[in-house]
């Protein structure tokens, strides 16, 4: 279980808590001066005693808790849990950048990825929904989410090697996540050699987590690398590992076709989805309840001056 924020920008208001504490003790000091000025001996006794201090500390704690709950409510706190799911909707995101022409797979990385992805689609249980995108410096929707295997397979088969430079994993995840909007259990299968040079991994991770999407990353390529038209291309695992682990997905290093096929087989067996619950209303209700308690205490039991 983890917690996140829909509107994290409001969290900066937490820096005002020291001001709340300062104002509390400032008001306490003024009450003391008022009691002494009018010779209210009952009030003076309370001011000098421990009773007043303990009561005010309690009120201060209540005030800080109310303020904290209100800030968290503005920030839109959500609770994220991992639950069992009988089925998933997938986006198969295939890296089509120039580095995928590397010949450490036969005939190259891209064709090996497409061939294995087709086998993966064939293994889908009946009713499984999936979509397809390709990406390089930009992401392209090849097929929106559907349960028609023929449409999905045709989209995979027709992915060309891109003439657009760069590899933008961030846009690939964002585009995939948007395609999964409205699906119950959402997962992206990212096939790439990880050579990210456009966008940032942090952006991709945050976007996926905010939309309850799990990203499984399959690193295609050998550690020794493969020859491309521009030179030697080696797999970059760090970006792919970070993306998978930080979205509660799995990372698979596929240095051979057999490992690539095994990666897909393991993914189909994974049965956990991410679910978020907005708990803002509960925090707001708690803040209102504490405010009423504080008001009653100040008006009755904790009243200091007559």
Foldseek 3Di string as FASTA:
>chain_A
DDKDFPAQVLVVCLVCLVVLVVVLVVVLVVQQVVCVVVVVVQLPVCNPDVNLVVLSVVLSVLVSLLVVLVSRLVRFMKDKDKDFAPAEEEEEEEEQEQQQCFPLAVVGNLVLLLVLVLVLLVPDDQPHWYFYWYFFLAIGGQGAIDRDSVSRNVSSVPDHRDPDHFGAVQNSLLVQLVSCPPPDFAEYEYEELAPHDDDDLVNSLVNCQVSQYAYEYEREADQVAGAGPVGGDHRDCPSNCCNRVSSVHYYFYDSYSVSSNVSSVVVRVDGMTMDMDGCSVVSNVVSVVSVVVSVVCCVPVSPSDD
